[in-house]
């Protein structure tokens, strides 16, 4: 008689296929589950020229006068904020450094004085 366990072919269809899941697939499954839980992805807002000018002014003021600034960063599942003094601006790569961490300038969706 053949011994049957959860990995025996035909023994348990749920577990048969799961032994083939790659780490990348697991991560994508988790991401989809999180999307469904949060109500799906949000679209990136389009900023007008005035808002970009306001963002650039706040970044420049923070860089030169060493005042704290609060940036709203795009996240497909909601906004997150980054606060601190701008340490460096890299226009070539389109990023800024706040509190030792680099942030992509294209991800900025708003600014507030801290």
N, C-alpha and C. Protein backbone atom coordinates (compact mmCIF):
# COMPACT_ATOMS: atom_id res chain seq x y z
N UNK A 1 0.84 -1.18 0.00
CA UNK A 1 0.00 0.00 0.00
C UNK A 1 0.89 1.25 0.00
N UNK A 2 0.51 2.23 -0.81
CA UNK A 2 1.26 3.46 -0.95
C UNK A 2 0.92 4.42 0.18
N UNK A 3 1.96 5.02 0.77
CA UNK A 3 1.74 5.98 1.86
C UNK A 3 1.35 7.33 1.25
N UNK A 4 0.29 7.93 1.76
CA UNK A 4 -0.24 9.18 1.23
C UNK A 4 0.03 10.31 2.23
N UNK A 5 0.60 11.41 1.72
CA UNK A 5 0.76 12.62 2.54
C UNK A 5 0.36 13.82 1.70
N UNK A 6 0.54 15.02 2.23
CA UNK A 6 0.05 16.21 1.53
C UNK A 6 0.79 16.48 0.22
N UNK A 7 1.98 15.90 0.01
CA UNK A 7 2.72 16.13 -1.22
C UNK A 7 2.56 14.98 -2.21
N UNK A 8 1.83 13.95 -1.86
CA UNK A 8 1.60 12.84 -2.76
C UNK A 8 0.66 13.28 -3.86
N UNK A 9 1.03 12.97 -5.10
CA UNK A 9 0.20 13.37 -6.23
C UNK A 9 -1.20 12.80 -6.07
N UNK A 10 -2.19 13.66 -6.20
CA UNK A 10 -3.58 13.25 -6.06
C UNK A 10 -4.06 13.22 -4.63
N UNK A 11 -3.15 13.37 -3.68
CA UNK A 11 -3.52 13.30 -2.27
C UNK A 11 -4.21 14.55 -1.78
N UNK A 12 -3.72 15.69 -2.18
CA UNK A 12 -4.29 16.96 -1.73
C UNK A 12 -4.01 17.99 -2.80
N UNK A 13 -4.99 18.31 -3.59
CA UNK A 13 -4.78 19.21 -4.73
C UNK A 13 -4.36 20.61 -4.31
N UNK A 14 -4.75 21.05 -3.13
CA UNK A 14 -4.37 22.38 -2.66
C UNK A 14 -2.86 22.49 -2.50
N UNK A 15 -2.25 21.48 -1.91
CA UNK A 15 -0.82 21.54 -1.63
C UNK A 15 0.03 21.05 -2.79
N UNK A 16 -0.53 20.33 -3.72
CA UNK A 16 0.24 19.82 -4.85
C UNK A 16 0.88 20.94 -5.64
N UNK A 17 0.11 21.97 -5.98
CA UNK A 17 0.62 23.06 -6.81
C UNK A 17 1.47 24.04 -6.02
N UNK A 18 1.27 24.14 -4.71
CA UNK A 18 1.97 25.17 -3.94
C UNK A 18 3.46 24.91 -3.81
N UNK A 19 3.90 23.71 -4.02
CA UNK A 19 5.34 23.45 -3.91
C UNK A 19 6.11 24.03 -5.09
N UNK A 20 5.39 24.54 -6.08
CA UNK A 20 6.02 25.13 -7.26
C UNK A 20 6.06 26.65 -7.20
N UNK A 21 5.60 27.28 -6.13
CA UNK A 21 5.53 28.73 -6.05
C UNK A 21 6.92 29.32 -5.79
N UNK A 22 7.32 30.22 -6.65
CA UNK A 22 8.59 30.92 -6.49
C UNK A 22 8.41 32.10 -5.54
N UNK A 23 9.48 32.56 -4.92
CA UNK A 23 9.37 33.72 -4.01
C UNK A 23 8.76 34.95 -4.69
N UNK A 24 9.08 35.16 -5.97
CA UNK A 24 8.53 36.32 -6.69
C UNK A 24 7.01 36.19 -6.83
N UNK A 25 6.55 34.96 -7.04
CA UNK A 25 5.12 34.73 -7.17
C UNK A 25 4.41 34.94 -5.83
N UNK A 26 5.05 34.48 -4.77
CA UNK A 26 4.48 34.67 -3.43
C UNK A 26 4.32 36.16 -3.13
N UNK A 27 5.35 36.93 -3.47
CA UNK A 27 5.31 38.37 -3.21
C UNK A 27 4.18 39.03 -4.01
N UNK A 28 4.01 38.62 -5.27
CA UNK A 28 2.95 39.19 -6.09
C UNK A 28 1.57 38.82 -5.54
N UNK A 29 1.42 37.60 -5.05
CA UNK A 29 0.16 37.17 -4.44
C UNK A 29 -0.16 38.04 -3.23
N UNK A 30 0.84 38.28 -2.40
CA UNK A 30 0.65 39.14 -1.22
C UNK A 30 0.28 40.56 -1.63
N UNK A 31 0.96 41.08 -2.66
CA UNK A 31 0.66 42.44 -3.13
C UNK A 31 -0.77 42.56 -3.62
N UNK A 32 -1.23 41.58 -4.37
CA UNK A 32 -2.61 41.60 -4.87
C UNK A 32 -3.61 41.53 -3.71
N UNK A 33 -3.31 40.70 -2.72
CA UNK A 33 -4.19 40.58 -1.57
C UNK A 33 -4.24 41.93 -0.83
N UNK A 34 -3.08 42.59 -0.68
CA UNK A 34 -3.05 43.90 -0.02
C UNK A 34 -3.83 44.94 -0.82
N UNK A 35 -3.71 44.90 -2.15
CA UNK A 35 -4.46 45.82 -3.01
C UNK A 35 -5.96 45.65 -2.80
N UNK A 36 -6.40 44.41 -2.77
CA UNK A 36 -7.82 44.13 -2.60
C UNK A 36 -8.30 44.60 -1.22
N UNK A 37 -7.47 44.43 -0.21
CA UNK A 37 -7.82 44.83 1.15
C UNK A 37 -7.94 46.35 1.25
N UNK A 38 -7.10 47.06 0.56
CA UNK A 38 -7.08 48.53 0.65
C UNK A 38 -8.00 49.20 -0.37
N UNK A 39 -8.62 48.44 -1.19
CA UNK A 39 -9.54 49.02 -2.15
C UNK A 39 -8.91 49.34 -3.49
N UNK A 40 -7.76 48.82 -3.78
CA UNK A 40 -7.13 49.01 -5.09
C UNK A 40 -6.15 50.17 -5.11
N UNK A 41 -5.47 50.27 -6.23
CA UNK A 41 -4.45 51.31 -6.39
C UNK A 41 -5.08 52.66 -6.70
N UNK A 42 -4.38 53.70 -6.28
CA UNK A 42 -4.77 55.07 -6.62
C UNK A 42 -3.94 55.53 -7.80
N UNK A 43 -4.49 56.41 -8.58
CA UNK A 43 -3.76 56.99 -9.70
C UNK A 43 -2.88 58.12 -9.20
N UNK A 44 -1.74 58.30 -9.86
CA UNK A 44 -0.84 59.41 -9.51
C UNK A 44 -1.48 60.72 -9.94
N UNK A 45 -1.59 61.70 -9.04
CA UNK A 45 -2.19 62.98 -9.42
C UNK A 45 -1.26 63.77 -10.35
N UNK A 46 -1.85 64.47 -11.28
CA UNK A 46 -1.09 65.34 -12.18
C UNK A 46 -1.00 66.72 -11.53
N UNK A 47 0.22 67.22 -11.37
CA UNK A 47 0.42 68.53 -10.75
C UNK A 47 0.56 69.60 -11.83
N UNK A 48 -0.02 70.75 -11.56
CA UNK A 48 0.11 71.85 -12.51
C UNK A 48 1.40 72.61 -12.23
N UNK A 49 1.70 73.58 -13.10
CA UNK A 49 2.94 74.35 -12.98
C UNK A 49 3.05 75.10 -11.67
N UNK A 50 1.93 75.66 -11.22
CA UNK A 50 1.93 76.42 -9.97
C UNK A 50 2.33 75.53 -8.79
N UNK A 51 1.81 74.32 -8.74
CA UNK A 51 2.13 73.42 -7.64
C UNK A 51 3.60 73.01 -7.68
N UNK A 52 4.13 72.72 -8.89
CA UNK A 52 5.55 72.39 -9.01
C UNK A 52 6.42 73.56 -8.57
N UNK A 53 6.00 74.77 -8.91
CA UNK A 53 6.75 75.96 -8.50
C UNK A 53 6.76 76.09 -6.98
N UNK A 54 5.62 75.84 -6.37
CA UNK A 54 5.51 75.88 -4.90
C UNK A 54 6.40 74.82 -4.25
N UNK A 55 6.42 73.62 -4.82
CA UNK A 55 7.27 72.53 -4.31
C UNK A 55 8.74 72.90 -4.43
N UNK A 56 9.14 73.40 -5.61
CA UNK A 56 10.54 73.78 -5.82
C UNK A 56 10.98 74.91 -4.90
N UNK A 57 10.10 75.88 -4.67
CA UNK A 57 10.43 76.98 -3.75
C UNK A 57 10.64 76.47 -2.33
N UNK A 58 9.76 75.57 -1.89
CA UNK A 58 9.87 75.02 -0.53
C UNK A 58 11.16 74.20 -0.38
N UNK A 59 11.50 73.44 -1.41
CA UNK A 59 12.73 72.64 -1.37
C UNK A 59 13.95 73.56 -1.33
N UNK A 60 13.96 74.60 -2.17
CA UNK A 60 15.08 75.55 -2.20
C UNK A 60 15.21 76.28 -0.87
N UNK A 61 14.08 76.70 -0.30
CA UNK A 61 14.12 77.39 1.00
C UNK A 61 14.69 76.48 2.08
N UNK A 62 14.25 75.23 2.08
CA UNK A 62 14.74 74.27 3.06
C UNK A 62 16.24 74.03 2.90
N UNK A 63 16.69 73.93 1.66
CA UNK A 63 18.10 73.67 1.37
C UNK A 63 18.98 74.84 1.80
N UNK A 64 18.57 76.07 1.48
CA UNK A 64 19.42 77.23 1.74
C UNK A 64 19.27 77.82 3.14
N UNK A 65 18.07 77.77 3.70
CA UNK A 65 17.84 78.36 5.02
C UNK A 65 17.79 77.33 6.14
N UNK A 66 17.95 76.05 5.78
CA UNK A 66 17.95 74.94 6.76
C UNK A 66 16.68 74.91 7.61
N UNK A 67 15.55 75.12 6.95
CA UNK A 67 14.26 75.01 7.64
C UNK A 67 13.62 73.68 7.24
N UNK A 68 12.86 73.15 8.14
CA UNK A 68 12.21 71.86 7.90
C UNK A 68 11.06 72.01 6.91
N UNK A 69 10.86 70.98 6.10
CA UNK A 69 9.78 70.96 5.12
C UNK A 69 9.11 69.59 5.20
N UNK A 70 7.83 69.57 4.88
CA UNK A 70 7.09 68.30 4.88
C UNK A 70 6.61 68.05 3.45
N UNK A 71 7.08 66.95 2.85
CA UNK A 71 6.69 66.59 1.49
C UNK A 71 5.70 65.44 1.52
N UNK A 72 4.66 65.56 0.71
CA UNK A 72 3.72 64.45 0.54
C UNK A 72 4.21 63.64 -0.65
N UNK A 73 4.39 62.34 -0.43
CA UNK A 73 4.95 61.45 -1.44
C UNK A 73 3.85 60.52 -1.95
N UNK A 74 3.83 60.30 -3.27
CA UNK A 74 2.83 59.41 -3.88
C UNK A 74 3.09 57.97 -3.46
N UNK A 75 2.02 57.30 -3.13
CA UNK A 75 2.04 55.87 -2.84
C UNK A 75 0.76 55.33 -3.47
N UNK A 76 0.82 54.25 -4.24
CA UNK A 76 -0.39 53.76 -4.91
C UNK A 76 -1.52 53.42 -3.94
N UNK A 77 -1.21 53.20 -2.67
CA UNK A 77 -2.23 52.82 -1.71
C UNK A 77 -2.54 53.91 -0.71
N UNK A 78 -2.06 55.12 -0.96
CA UNK A 78 -2.30 56.24 -0.06
C UNK A 78 -1.08 57.14 -0.08
N UNK A 79 -1.18 58.27 0.56
CA UNK A 79 -0.03 59.17 0.61
C UNK A 79 0.78 58.89 1.85
N UNK A 80 2.07 59.18 1.74
CA UNK A 80 2.93 59.14 2.91
C UNK A 80 3.68 60.47 2.94
N UNK A 81 4.20 60.81 4.07
CA UNK A 81 4.86 62.11 4.20
C UNK A 81 6.30 61.92 4.66
N UNK A 82 7.15 62.83 4.23
CA UNK A 82 8.55 62.86 4.63
C UNK A 82 8.82 64.25 5.17
N UNK A 83 9.37 64.33 6.37
CA UNK A 83 9.66 65.63 6.98
C UNK A 83 11.15 65.73 7.29
N UNK A 84 11.64 66.95 7.20
CA UNK A 84 13.03 67.20 7.57
C UNK A 84 13.61 68.32 6.73
N UNK A 85 14.91 68.54 6.92
CA UNK A 85 15.63 69.57 6.18
C UNK A 85 16.25 68.93 4.94
N UNK A 86 16.09 69.58 3.80
CA UNK A 86 16.67 69.07 2.56
C UNK A 86 18.18 69.25 2.64
N UNK A 87 18.91 68.15 2.45
CA UNK A 87 20.37 68.18 2.55
C UNK A 87 21.03 68.39 1.19
N UNK A 88 20.49 67.72 0.17
CA UNK A 88 21.06 67.84 -1.18
C UNK A 88 19.95 67.70 -2.20
N UNK A 89 20.19 68.30 -3.37
CA UNK A 89 19.28 68.17 -4.50
C UNK A 89 20.11 67.71 -5.69
N UNK A 90 19.73 66.61 -6.31
CA UNK A 90 20.42 66.09 -7.48
C UNK A 90 19.46 66.23 -8.66
N UNK A 91 19.61 67.33 -9.40
CA UNK A 91 18.70 67.62 -10.52
C UNK A 91 18.90 66.63 -11.67
N UNK A 92 20.13 66.14 -11.84
CA UNK A 92 20.41 65.21 -12.94
C UNK A 92 19.60 63.92 -12.77
N UNK A 93 19.64 63.36 -11.57
CA UNK A 93 18.92 62.11 -11.31
C UNK A 93 17.50 62.37 -10.80
N UNK A 94 17.14 63.64 -10.57
CA UNK A 94 15.79 63.98 -10.14
C UNK A 94 15.45 63.46 -8.76
N UNK A 95 16.33 63.71 -7.81
CA UNK A 95 16.09 63.22 -6.45
C UNK A 95 16.59 64.23 -5.43
N UNK A 96 16.06 64.13 -4.21
CA UNK A 96 16.51 64.98 -3.11
C UNK A 96 16.82 64.10 -1.91
N UNK A 97 17.71 64.61 -1.05
CA UNK A 97 18.05 63.85 0.15
C UNK A 97 17.56 64.61 1.37
N UNK A 98 16.75 63.91 2.16
CA UNK A 98 16.22 64.44 3.42
C UNK A 98 16.55 63.44 4.51
N UNK A 99 17.17 63.90 5.56
CA UNK A 99 17.51 63.05 6.70
C UNK A 99 18.30 61.81 6.27
N UNK A 100 19.19 61.98 5.29
CA UNK A 100 20.05 60.88 4.85
C UNK A 100 19.41 59.92 3.86
N UNK A 101 18.14 60.12 3.52
CA UNK A 101 17.45 59.23 2.58
C UNK A 101 17.13 59.98 1.29
N UNK A 102 17.37 59.31 0.16
CA UNK A 102 17.06 59.90 -1.15
C UNK A 102 15.61 59.63 -1.50
N UNK A 103 14.96 60.63 -2.10
CA UNK A 103 13.57 60.52 -2.53
C UNK A 103 13.46 61.02 -3.97
N UNK A 104 12.73 60.28 -4.79
CA UNK A 104 12.52 60.64 -6.18
C UNK A 104 11.60 61.86 -6.26
N UNK A 105 12.03 62.90 -6.97
CA UNK A 105 11.24 64.13 -7.05
C UNK A 105 9.95 63.92 -7.83
N UNK A 106 9.91 62.93 -8.73
CA UNK A 106 8.69 62.68 -9.49
C UNK A 106 7.59 62.11 -8.61
N UNK A 107 7.95 61.60 -7.44
CA UNK A 107 6.97 61.01 -6.53
C UNK A 107 6.34 62.05 -5.60
N UNK A 108 6.86 63.27 -5.60
CA UNK A 108 6.32 64.33 -4.73
C UNK A 108 4.98 64.81 -5.28
N UNK A 109 3.96 64.84 -4.42
CA UNK A 109 2.65 65.31 -4.87
C UNK A 109 2.18 66.57 -4.13
N UNK A 110 2.96 67.02 -3.15
CA UNK A 110 2.58 68.22 -2.43
C UNK A 110 3.62 68.58 -1.39
N UNK A 111 3.50 69.79 -0.85
CA UNK A 111 4.45 70.27 0.14
C UNK A 111 3.73 71.10 1.19
N UNK A 112 4.23 71.01 2.42
CA UNK A 112 3.71 71.81 3.52
C UNK A 112 4.91 72.28 4.33
N UNK A 113 4.85 73.51 4.85
CA UNK A 113 5.91 73.99 5.74
C UNK A 113 5.77 73.26 7.05
N UNK A 114 6.88 72.79 7.57
CA UNK A 114 6.87 72.03 8.82
C UNK A 114 6.92 72.92 10.03
